[in-house]
Every structure is written in structure tokens, then in C-alpha cells.
């Protein structure tokens, strides 16, 4: 796992944790949810599912571009800039 993937996972976990802590319904001493608590839990579940779907699409997109850049044909198509005779600076047209 690279640094980029690790950072994305940490951000998603942090966001989900913040959403859960802000939206967590308070329970009364008998353990029942307050009025409207079930609907709020459903919305929260939908939000987490949506975030999971977005993360999956981002990972697929990342993998696609990684494979595209790593393909041999792409690597052969990339050429270094024209270098001057001394090899220090690119040749600039005048």
C-alpha cells in the first residue's frame, strides 16, 4: 500500500467517524432511540454506503490510471526532452 492509498483510507475513516459521532442518536436510560432516531440511522447508513461506493470508484480510477501509465506502450511513447550538446539544458528554439 502506497502513501497515497494510506492517506485516502485515513481521510475516509476520519470523515466517517466524524459523521457518526455528530449524528449518533442519544439513547435514553431504557435503551430506546429518541423519536426519529431510526430514520436518522437509515440516513447515516445510506451516507456510509455512498461514501464506500465513492471510495471504490476512486480506487478503480486510480488503478486504471496506474495501469495506463505502467503499460509498455505508454512508457515507450514518453521521450525525454531534447538536450543540448553539453547535456545540461534543453535546447530552446530561437
PDB file of N, CA and C in Angstrom:
ATOM      1  N   UNK A   1       0.856  -1.165   0.000  1.00  0.00           N
ATOM      2  CA  UNK A   1       0.000   0.000   0.000  1.00  0.00           C
ATOM      3  C   UNK A   1       0.903   1.230   0.000  1.00  0.00           C
ATOM      4  N   UNK A   2       0.633   2.110  -0.918  1.00  0.00           N
ATOM      5  CA  UNK A   2       1.426   3.322  -1.012  1.00  0.00           C
ATOM      6  C   UNK A   2       0.937   4.395  -0.061  1.00  0.00           C
ATOM      7  N   UNK A   3       1.668   5.465  -0.033  1.00  0.00           N
ATOM      8  CA  UNK A   3       1.331   6.584   0.839  1.00  0.00           C
ATOM      9  C   UNK A   3       0.002   7.197   0.431  1.00  0.00           C
ATOM     10  N   UNK A   4      -0.221   7.307  -0.873  1.00  0.00           N
ATOM     11  CA  UNK A   4      -1.452   7.914  -1.374  1.00  0.00           C
ATOM     12  C   UNK A   4      -2.680   7.125  -0.908  1.00  0.00           C
ATOM     13  N   UNK A   5      -2.635   5.786  -1.055  1.00  0.00           N
ATOM     14  CA  UNK A   5      -3.750   4.957  -0.638  1.00  0.00           C
ATOM     15  C   UNK A   5      -3.959   5.051   0.872  1.00  0.00           C
ATOM     16  N   UNK A   6      -2.872   5.071   1.627  1.00  0.00           N
ATOM     17  CA  UNK A   6      -2.952   5.159   3.080  1.00  0.00           C
ATOM     18  C   UNK A   6      -3.628   6.463   3.511  1.00  0.00           C
ATOM     19  N   UNK A   7      -3.269   7.552   2.852  1.00  0.00           N
ATOM     20  CA  UNK A   7      -3.858   8.856   3.187  1.00  0.00           C
ATOM     21  C   UNK A   7      -5.344   8.869   2.858  1.00  0.00           C
ATOM     22  N   UNK A   8      -5.725   8.309   1.716  1.00  0.00           N
ATOM     23  CA  UNK A   8      -7.139   8.266   1.334  1.00  0.00           C
ATOM     24  C   UNK A   8      -7.935   7.471   2.360  1.00  0.00           C
ATOM     25  N   UNK A   9      -7.405   6.327   2.781  1.00  0.00           N
ATOM     26  CA  UNK A   9      -8.106   5.495   3.756  1.00  0.00           C
ATOM     27  C   UNK A   9      -8.252   6.239   5.084  1.00  0.00           C
ATOM     28  N   UNK A  10      -7.189   6.915   5.522  1.00  0.00           N
ATOM     29  CA  UNK A  10      -7.271   7.670   6.776  1.00  0.00           C
ATOM     30  C   UNK A  10      -8.309   8.788   6.699  1.00  0.00           C
ATOM     31  N   UNK A  11      -8.361   9.485   5.566  1.00  0.00           N
ATOM     32  CA  UNK A  11      -9.328  10.573   5.400  1.00  0.00           C
ATOM     33  C   UNK A  11     -10.752  10.030   5.436  1.00  0.00           C
ATOM     34  N   UNK A  12     -10.989   8.924   4.745  1.00  0.00           N
ATOM     35  CA  UNK A  12     -12.340   8.345   4.721  1.00  0.00           C
ATOM     36  C   UNK A  12     -12.740   7.878   6.109  1.00  0.00           C
ATOM     37  N   UNK A  13     -11.843   7.200   6.812  1.00  0.00           N
ATOM     38  CA  UNK A  13     -12.153   6.737   8.164  1.00  0.00           C
ATOM     39  C   UNK A  13     -12.432   7.920   9.087  1.00  0.00           C
ATOM     40  N   UNK A  14     -11.647   8.967   8.951  1.00  0.00           N
ATOM     41  CA  UNK A  14     -11.847  10.157   9.776  1.00  0.00           C
ATOM     42  C   UNK A  14     -13.199  10.800   9.490  1.00  0.00           C
ATOM     43  N   UNK A  15     -13.552  10.915   8.203  1.00  0.00           N
ATOM     44  CA  UNK A  15     -14.833  11.516   7.841  1.00  0.00           C
ATOM     45  C   UNK A  15     -15.993  10.690   8.379  1.00  0.00           C
ATOM     46  N   UNK A  16     -15.924   9.377   8.224  1.00  0.00           N
ATOM     47  CA  UNK A  16     -16.999   8.512   8.701  1.00  0.00           C
ATOM     48  C   UNK A  16     -17.111   8.623  10.219  1.00  0.00           C
ATOM     49  N   UNK A  17     -15.986   8.648  10.917  1.00  0.00           N
ATOM     50  CA  UNK A  17     -16.003   8.786  12.374  1.00  0.00           C
ATOM     51  C   UNK A  17     -16.638  10.086  12.822  1.00  0.00           C
ATOM     52  N   UNK A  18     -16.306  11.183  12.133  1.00  0.00           N
ATOM     53  CA  UNK A  18     -16.899  12.470  12.487  1.00  0.00           C
ATOM     54  C   UNK A  18     -18.402  12.482  12.231  1.00  0.00           C
ATOM     55  N   UNK A  19     -18.823  11.905  11.094  1.00  0.00           N
ATOM     56  CA  UNK A  19     -20.253  11.868  10.775  1.00  0.00           C
ATOM     57  C   UNK A  19     -20.993  11.037  11.818  1.00  0.00           C
ATOM     58  N   UNK A  20     -20.432   9.907  12.171  1.00  0.00           N
ATOM     59  CA  UNK A  20     -21.089   9.044  13.153  1.00  0.00           C
ATOM     60  C   UNK A  20     -21.166   9.730  14.508  1.00  0.00           C
ATOM     61  N   UNK A  21     -20.076  10.367  14.935  1.00  0.00           N
ATOM     62  CA  UNK A  21     -20.088  10.993  16.258  1.00  0.00           C
ATOM     63  C   UNK A  21     -21.040  12.193  16.316  1.00  0.00           C
ATOM     64  N   UNK A  22     -21.204  12.902  15.231  1.00  0.00           N
ATOM     65  CA  UNK A  22     -22.116  14.049  15.223  1.00  0.00           C
ATOM     66  C   UNK A  22     -23.573  13.621  15.143  1.00  0.00           C
ATOM     67  N   UNK A  23     -23.831  12.543  14.427  1.00  0.00           N
ATOM     68  CA  UNK A  23     -25.206  12.157  14.160  1.00  0.00           C
ATOM     69  C   UNK A  23     -25.703  11.014  15.040  1.00  0.00           C
ATOM     70  N   UNK A  24     -24.869  10.553  15.931  1.00  0.00           N
ATOM     71  CA  UNK A  24     -25.272   9.431  16.770  1.00  0.00           C
ATOM     72  C   UNK A  24     -26.449   9.852  17.648  1.00  0.00           C
ATOM     73  N   UNK A  25     -27.551   9.132  17.560  1.00  0.00           N
ATOM     74  CA  UNK A  25     -28.702   9.478  18.398  1.00  0.00           C
ATOM     75  C   UNK A  25     -28.398   9.132  19.851  1.00  0.00           C
ATOM     76  N   UNK A  26     -28.854   9.981  20.733  1.00  0.00           N
ATOM     77  CA  UNK A  26     -28.666   9.743  22.158  1.00  0.00           C
ATOM     78  C   UNK A  26     -29.738   8.776  22.643  1.00  0.00           C
ATOM     79  N   UNK A  27     -29.331   7.804  23.388  1.00  0.00           N
ATOM     80  CA  UNK A  27     -30.284   6.817  23.902  1.00  0.00           C
ATOM     81  C   UNK A  27     -30.731   7.217  25.305  1.00  0.00           C
ATOM     82  N   UNK A  28     -31.976   6.923  25.583  1.00  0.00           N
ATOM     83  CA  UNK A  28     -32.459   7.159  26.938  1.00  0.00           C
ATOM     84  C   UNK A  28     -32.036   5.973  27.819  1.00  0.00           C
ATOM     85  N   UNK A  29     -32.217   6.070  29.125  1.00  0.00           N
ATOM     86  CA  UNK A  29     -31.753   5.005  30.020  1.00  0.00           C
ATOM     87  C   UNK A  29     -32.355   3.630  29.725  1.00  0.00           C
ATOM     88  N   UNK A  30     -33.532   3.557  29.116  1.00  0.00           N
ATOM     89  CA  UNK A  30     -34.142   2.263  28.801  1.00  0.00           C
ATOM     90  C   UNK A  30     -33.537   1.649  27.544  1.00  0.00           C
ATOM     91  N   UNK A  31     -32.702   2.392  26.834  1.00  0.00           N
ATOM     92  CA  UNK A  31     -32.052   1.866  25.642  1.00  0.00           C
ATOM     93  C   UNK A  31     -32.829   2.061  24.362  1.00  0.00           C
ATOM     94  N   UNK A  32     -33.880   2.861  24.400  1.00  0.00           N
ATOM     95  CA  UNK A  32     -34.648   3.104  23.192  1.00  0.00           C
ATOM     96  C   UNK A  32     -34.121   4.344  22.488  1.00  0.00           C
ATOM     97  N   UNK A  33     -34.266   4.352  21.183  1.00  0.00           N
ATOM     98  CA  UNK A  33     -33.836   5.507  20.400  1.00  0.00           C
ATOM     99  C   UNK A  33     -34.821   6.648  20.574  1.00  0.00           C
ATOM    100  N   UNK A  34     -34.345   7.885  20.537  1.00  0.00           N
ATOM    101  CA  UNK A  34     -35.275   9.013  20.581  1.00  0.00           C
ATOM    102  C   UNK A  34     -36.134   9.034  19.320  1.00  0.00           C
ATOM    103  N   UNK A  35     -37.188   9.848  19.371  1.00  0.00           N
ATOM    104  CA  UNK A  35     -38.098   9.928  18.236  1.00  0.00           C
ATOM    105  C   UNK A  35     -37.327  10.350  16.988  1.00  0.00           C
ATOM    106  N   UNK A  36     -37.553   9.657  15.896  1.00  0.00           N
ATOM    107  CA  UNK A  36     -36.863   9.964  14.646  1.00  0.00           C
ATOM    108  C   UNK A  36     -35.475   9.357  14.573  1.00  0.00           C
ATOM    109  N   UNK A  37     -35.066   8.620  15.581  1.00  0.00           N
ATOM    110  CA  UNK A  37     -33.726   8.038  15.616  1.00  0.00           C
ATOM    111  C   UNK A  37     -33.507   6.991  14.544  1.00  0.00           C
ATOM    112  N   UNK A  38     -34.522   6.194  14.275  1.00  0.00           N
ATOM    113  CA  UNK A  38     -34.380   5.139  13.262  1.00  0.00           C
ATOM    114  C   UNK A  38     -34.199   5.744  11.872  1.00  0.00           C
ATOM    115  N   UNK A  39     -34.935   6.798  11.575  1.00  0.00           N
ATOM    116  CA  UNK A  39     -34.795   7.455  10.272  1.00  0.00           C
ATOM    117  C   UNK A  39     -33.397   8.058  10.136  1.00  0.00           C
ATOM    118  N   UNK A  40     -32.893   8.607  11.227  1.00  0.00           N
ATOM    119  CA  UNK A  40     -31.551   9.178  11.197  1.00  0.00           C
ATOM    120  C   UNK A  40     -30.501   8.090  10.987  1.00  0.00           C
ATOM    121  N   UNK A  41     -30.708   6.931  11.619  1.00  0.00           N
ATOM    122  CA  UNK A  41     -29.790   5.806  11.409  1.00  0.00           C
ATOM    123  C   UNK A  41     -29.815   5.334   9.960  1.00  0.00           C
ATOM    124  N   UNK A  42     -30.989   5.319   9.357  1.00  0.00           N
ATOM    125  CA  UNK A  42     -31.096   4.930   7.947  1.00  0.00           C
ATOM    126  C   UNK A  42     -30.352   5.922   7.054  1.00  0.00           C
ATOM    127  N   UNK A  43     -30.505   7.217   7.338  1.00  0.00           N
ATOM    128  CA  UNK A  43     -29.789   8.227   6.549  1.00  0.00           C
ATOM    129  C   UNK A  43     -28.282   8.063   6.719  1.00  0.00           C
ATOM    130  N   UNK A  44     -27.852   7.778   7.940  1.00  0.00           N
ATOM    131  CA  UNK A  44     -26.435   7.583   8.209  1.00  0.00           C
ATOM    132  C   UNK A  44     -25.918   6.350   7.478  1.00  0.00           C
ATOM    133  N   UNK A  45     -26.684   5.278   7.495  1.00  0.00           N
ATOM    134  CA  UNK A  45     -26.292   4.066   6.783  1.00  0.00           C
ATOM    135  C   UNK A  45     -26.178   4.344   5.282  1.00  0.00           C
ATOM    136  N   UNK A  46     -27.133   5.107   4.740  1.00  0.00           N
ATOM    137  CA  UNK A  46     -27.074   5.461   3.325  1.00  0.00           C
ATOM    138  C   UNK A  46     -25.839   6.311   3.023  1.00  0.00           C
ATOM    139  N   UNK A  47     -25.508   7.233   3.929  1.00  0.00           N
ATOM    140  CA  UNK A  47     -24.330   8.085   3.733  1.00  0.00           C
ATOM    141  C   UNK A  47     -23.053   7.252   3.733  1.00  0.00           C
ATOM    142  N   UNK A  48     -22.953   6.312   4.658  1.00  0.00           N
ATOM    143  CA  UNK A  48     -21.760   5.458   4.719  1.00  0.00           C
ATOM    144  C   UNK A  48     -21.681   4.586   3.470  1.00  0.00           C
ATOM    145  N   UNK A  49     -22.810   4.044   3.024  1.00  0.00           N
ATOM    146  CA  UNK A  49     -22.815   3.249   1.796  1.00  0.00           C
ATOM    147  C   UNK A  49     -22.380   4.084   0.597  1.00  0.00           C
ATOM    148  N   UNK A  50     -22.864   5.333   0.539  1.00  0.00           N
ATOM    149  CA  UNK A  50     -22.482   6.231  -0.547  1.00  0.00           C
ATOM    150  C   UNK A  50     -20.982   6.518  -0.523  1.00  0.00           C
ATOM    151  N   UNK A  51     -20.439   6.783   0.679  1.00  0.00           N
ATOM    152  CA  UNK A  51     -19.002   7.024   0.799  1.00  0.00           C
ATOM    153  C   UNK A  51     -18.200   5.796   0.388  1.00  0.00           C
ATOM    154  N   UNK A  52     -18.672   4.623   0.758  1.00  0.00           N
ATOM    155  CA  UNK A  52     -17.986   3.390   0.363  1.00  0.00           C
ATOM    156  C   UNK A  52     -17.988   3.212  -1.149  1.00  0.00           C
ATOM    157  N   UNK A  53     -19.113   3.519  -1.783  1.00  0.00           N
ATOM    158  CA  UNK A  53     -19.188   3.426  -3.244  1.00  0.00           C
ATOM    159  C   UNK A  53     -18.261   4.414  -3.930  1.00  0.00           C
ATOM    160  N   UNK A  54     -18.213   5.623  -3.389  1.00  0.00           N
ATOM    161  CA  UNK A  54     -17.314   6.631  -3.959  1.00  0.00           C
ATOM    162  C   UNK A  54     -15.867   6.212  -3.810  1.00  0.00           C
ATOM    163  N   UNK A  55     -15.517   5.652  -2.655  1.00  0.00           N
ATOM    164  CA  UNK A  55     -14.146   5.197  -2.429  1.00  0.00           C
ATOM    165  C   UNK A  55     -13.792   4.079  -3.406  1.00  0.00           C
ATOM    166  N   UNK A  56     -14.717   3.167  -3.636  1.00  0.00           N
ATOM    167  CA  UNK A  56     -14.466   2.070  -4.572  1.00  0.00           C
ATOM    168  C   UNK A  56     -14.241   2.611  -5.982  1.00  0.00           C
ATOM    169  N   UNK A  57     -15.046   3.593  -6.392  1.00  0.00           N
ATOM    170  CA  UNK A  57     -14.859   4.178  -7.726  1.00  0.00           C
ATOM    171  C   UNK A  57     -13.524   4.912  -7.825  1.00  0.00           C
ATOM    172  N   UNK A  58     -13.132   5.625  -6.762  1.00  0.00           N
ATOM    173  CA  UNK A  58     -11.832   6.302  -6.765  1.00  0.00           C
ATOM    174  C   UNK A  58     -10.686   5.304  -6.866  1.00  0.00           C
ATOM    175  N   UNK A  59     -10.797   4.186  -6.163  1.00  0.00           N
ATOM    176  CA  UNK A  59      -9.750   3.174  -6.227  1.00  0.00           C
ATOM    177  C   UNK A  59      -9.669   2.555  -7.614  1.00  0.00           C
ATOM    178  N   UNK A  60     -10.834   2.296  -8.238  1.00  0.00           N
ATOM    179  CA  UNK A  60     -10.841   1.761  -9.597  1.00  0.00           C
ATOM    180  C   UNK A  60     -10.202   2.750 -10.567  1.00  0.00           C
ATOM    181  N   UNK A  61     -10.541   4.015 -10.429  1.00  0.00           N
ATOM    182  CA  UNK A  61      -9.976   5.040 -11.302  1.00  0.00           C
ATOM    183  C   UNK A  61      -8.465   5.153 -11.107  1.00  0.00           C
ATOM    184  N   UNK A  62      -8.023   5.123  -9.848  1.00  0.00           N
ATOM    185  CA  UNK A  62      -6.593   5.178  -9.544  1.00  0.00           C
ATOM    186  C   UNK A  62      -5.869   3.995 -10.184  1.00  0.00           C
ATOM    187  N   UNK A  63      -6.446   2.792 -10.039  1.00  0.00           N
ATOM    188  CA  UNK A  63      -5.823   1.605 -10.613  1.00  0.00           C
ATOM    189  C   UNK A  63      -5.776   1.688 -12.133  1.00  0.00           C
ATOM    190  N   UNK A  64      -6.843   2.205 -12.744  1.00  0.00           N
ATOM    191  CA  UNK A  64      -6.872   2.346 -14.195  1.00  0.00           C
ATOM    192  C   UNK A  64      -5.737   3.245 -14.678  1.00  0.00           C
ATOM    193  N   UNK A  65      -5.588   4.409 -14.048  1.00  0.00           N
ATOM    194  CA  UNK A  65      -4.542   5.333 -14.477  1.00  0.00           C
ATOM    195  C   UNK A  65      -3.155   4.794 -14.163  1.00  0.00           C
ATOM    196  N   UNK A  66      -3.023   4.064 -13.068  1.00  0.00           N
ATOM    197  CA  UNK A  66      -1.735   3.468 -12.733  1.00  0.00           C
ATOM    198  C   UNK A  66      -1.340   2.442 -13.792  1.00  0.00           C
ATOM    199  N   UNK A  67      -2.308   1.595 -14.190  1.00  0.00           N
ATOM    200  CA  UNK A  67      -2.044   0.607 -15.233  1.00  0.00           C
ATOM    201  C   UNK A  67      -1.750   1.293 -16.565  1.00  0.00           C
ATOM    202  N   UNK A  68      -2.460   2.364 -16.852  1.00  0.00           N
ATOM    203  CA  UNK A  68      -2.240   3.086 -18.097  1.00  0.00           C
ATOM    204  C   UNK A  68      -0.829   3.646 -18.152  1.00  0.00           C
ATOM    205  N   UNK A  69      -0.365   4.221 -17.066  1.00  0.00           N
ATOM    206  CA  UNK A  69       0.982   4.777 -17.030  1.00  0.00           C
ATOM    207  C   UNK A  69       2.056   3.698 -17.006  1.00  0.00           C
ATOM    208  N   UNK A  70       1.749   2.542 -16.443  1.00  0.00           N
ATOM    209  CA  UNK A  70       2.727   1.472 -16.354  1.00  0.00           C
ATOM    210  C   UNK A  70       2.794   0.603 -17.601  1.00  0.00           C
ATOM    211  N   UNK A  71       1.859   0.779 -18.540  1.00  0.00           N
ATOM    212  CA  UNK A  71       1.854  -0.067 -19.732  1.00  0.00           C
ATOM    213  C   UNK A  71       3.091   0.217 -20.591  1.00  0.00           C
ATOM    214  N   UNK A  72       3.651  -0.818 -21.226  1.00  0.00           N
ATOM    215  CA  UNK A  72       4.878  -0.641 -22.018  1.00  0.00           C
ATOM    216  C   UNK A  72       4.701   0.331 -23.178  1.00  0.00           C
ATOM    217  N   UNK A  73       3.543   0.305 -23.839  1.00  0.00           N
ATOM    218  CA  UNK A  73       3.343   1.213 -24.966  1.00  0.00           C
ATOM    219  C   UNK A  73       3.386   2.660 -24.502  1.00  0.00           C
ATOM    220  N   UNK A  74       2.818   2.939 -23.353  1.00  0.00           N
ATOM    221  CA  UNK A  74       2.808   4.312 -22.836  1.00  0.00           C
ATOM    222  C   UNK A  74       4.221   4.737 -22.467  1.00  0.00           C
ATOM    223  N   UNK A  75       4.970   3.837 -21.852  1.00  0.00           N
ATOM    224  CA  UNK A  75       6.323   4.155 -21.435  1.00  0.00           C
ATOM    225  C   UNK A  75       7.208   4.445 -22.661  1.00  0.00           C
ATOM    226  N   UNK A  76       7.007   3.703 -23.773  1.00  0.00           N
ATOM    227  CA  UNK A  76       7.793   3.942 -24.979  1.00  0.00           C
ATOM    228  C   UNK A  76       7.411   5.258 -25.644  1.00  0.00           C
ATOM    229  N   UNK A  77       6.167   5.690 -25.481  1.00  0.00           N
ATOM    230  CA  UNK A  77       5.715   6.924 -26.115  1.00  0.00           C
ATOM    231  C   UNK A  77       6.264   8.163 -25.413  1.00  0.00           C
ATOM    232  N   UNK A  78       6.664   8.022 -24.164  1.00  0.00           N
ATOM    233  CA  UNK A  78       7.210   9.155 -23.424  1.00  0.00           C
ATOM    234  C   UNK A  78       8.694   9.258 -23.736  1.00  0.00           C
ATOM    235  N   UNK A  79       9.096  10.400 -24.240  1.00  0.00           N
ATOM    236  CA  UNK A  79      10.510  10.581 -24.564  1.00  0.00           C
ATOM    237  C   UNK A  79      11.060  11.757 -23.767  1.00  0.00           C
ATOM    238  N   UNK A  80      12.348  11.698 -23.429  1.00  0.00           N
ATOM    239  CA  UNK A  80      12.943  12.806 -22.681  1.00  0.00           C
ATOM    240  C   UNK A  80      13.025  14.058 -23.551  1.00  0.00           C
ATOM    241  N   UNK A  81      13.095  15.230 -22.935  1.00  0.00           N
ATOM    242  CA  UNK A  81      13.199  16.459 -23.729  1.00  0.00           C
ATOM    243  C   UNK A  81      14.524  16.493 -24.487  1.00  0.00           C
ATOM    244  N   UNK A  82      14.548  17.284 -25.585  1.00  0.00           N
ATOM    245  CA  UNK A  82      15.783  17.424 -26.354  1.00  0.00           C
ATOM    246  C   UNK A  82      16.831  18.105 -25.489  1.00  0.00           C
ATOM    247  N   UNK A  83      18.003  17.503 -25.426  1.00  0.00           N
ATOM    248  CA  UNK A  83      19.060  18.049 -24.583  1.00  0.00           C
ATOM    249  C   UNK A  83      20.073  18.774 -25.473  1.00  0.00           C
ATOM    250  N   UNK A  84      20.711  19.774 -24.902  1.00  0.00           N
ATOM    251  CA  UNK A  84      21.767  20.491 -25.605  1.00  0.00           C
ATOM    252  C   UNK A  84      22.987  19.601 -25.762  1.00  0.00           C
ATOM    253  N   UNK A  85      23.989  20.090 -26.487  1.00  0.00           N
ATOM    254  CA  UNK A  85      25.165  19.264 -26.726  1.00  0.00           C
ATOM    255  C   UNK A  85      25.908  18.930 -25.438  1.00  0.00           C
ATOM    256  N   UNK A  86      25.889  19.845 -24.467  1.00  0.00           N
ATOM    257  CA  UNK A  86      26.577  19.559 -23.220  1.00  0.00           C
ATOM    258  C   UNK A  86      25.724  18.717 -22.282  1.00  0.00           C
ATOM    259  N   UNK A  87      24.441  18.497 -22.634  1.00  0.00           N
ATOM    260  CA  UNK A  87      23.562  17.653 -21.841  1.00  0.00           C
ATOM    261  C   UNK A  87      22.990  18.322 -20.609  1.00  0.00           C
ATOM    262  N   UNK A  88      23.200  19.645 -20.455  1.00  0.00           N
ATOM    263  CA  UNK A  88      22.742  20.286 -19.229  1.00  0.00           C
ATOM    264  C   UNK A  88      21.362  20.905 -19.364  1.00  0.00           C
ATOM    265  N   UNK A  89      21.082  21.617 -20.439  1.00  0.00           N
ATOM    266  CA  UNK A  89      19.815  22.333 -20.601  1.00  0.00           C
ATOM    267  C   UNK A  89      19.115  21.872 -21.860  1.00  0.00           C
ATOM    268  N   UNK A  90      17.791  21.872 -21.839  1.00  0.00           N
ATOM    269  CA  UNK A  90      17.061  21.570 -23.065  1.00  0.00           C
ATOM    270  C   UNK A  90      17.343  22.621 -24.135  1.00  0.00           C
ATOM    271  N   UNK A  91      17.319  22.186 -25.375  1.00  0.00           N
ATOM    272  CA  UNK A  91      17.548  23.109 -26.491  1.00  0.00           C
ATOM    273  C   UNK A  91      16.303  23.957 -26.647  1.00  0.00           C
ATOM    274  N   UNK A  92      16.471  25.254 -26.655  1.00  0.00           N
ATOM    275  CA  UNK A  92      15.345  26.165 -26.810  1.00  0.00           C
ATOM    276  C   UNK A  92      15.416  26.777 -28.220  1.00  0.00           C
ATOM    277  N   UNK A  93      14.317  26.737 -28.955  1.00  0.00           N
ATOM    278  CA  UNK A  93      14.342  27.360 -30.299  1.00  0.00           C
ATOM    279  C   UNK A  93      14.483  28.887 -30.172  1.00  0.00           C
ATOM    280  N   UNK A  94      15.233  29.456 -31.066  1.00  0.00           N
ATOM    281  CA  UNK A  94      15.433  30.925 -31.035  1.00  0.00           C
ATOM    282  C   UNK A  94      14.791  31.579 -32.209  1.00  0.00           C
TER     283      UNK A  94
END
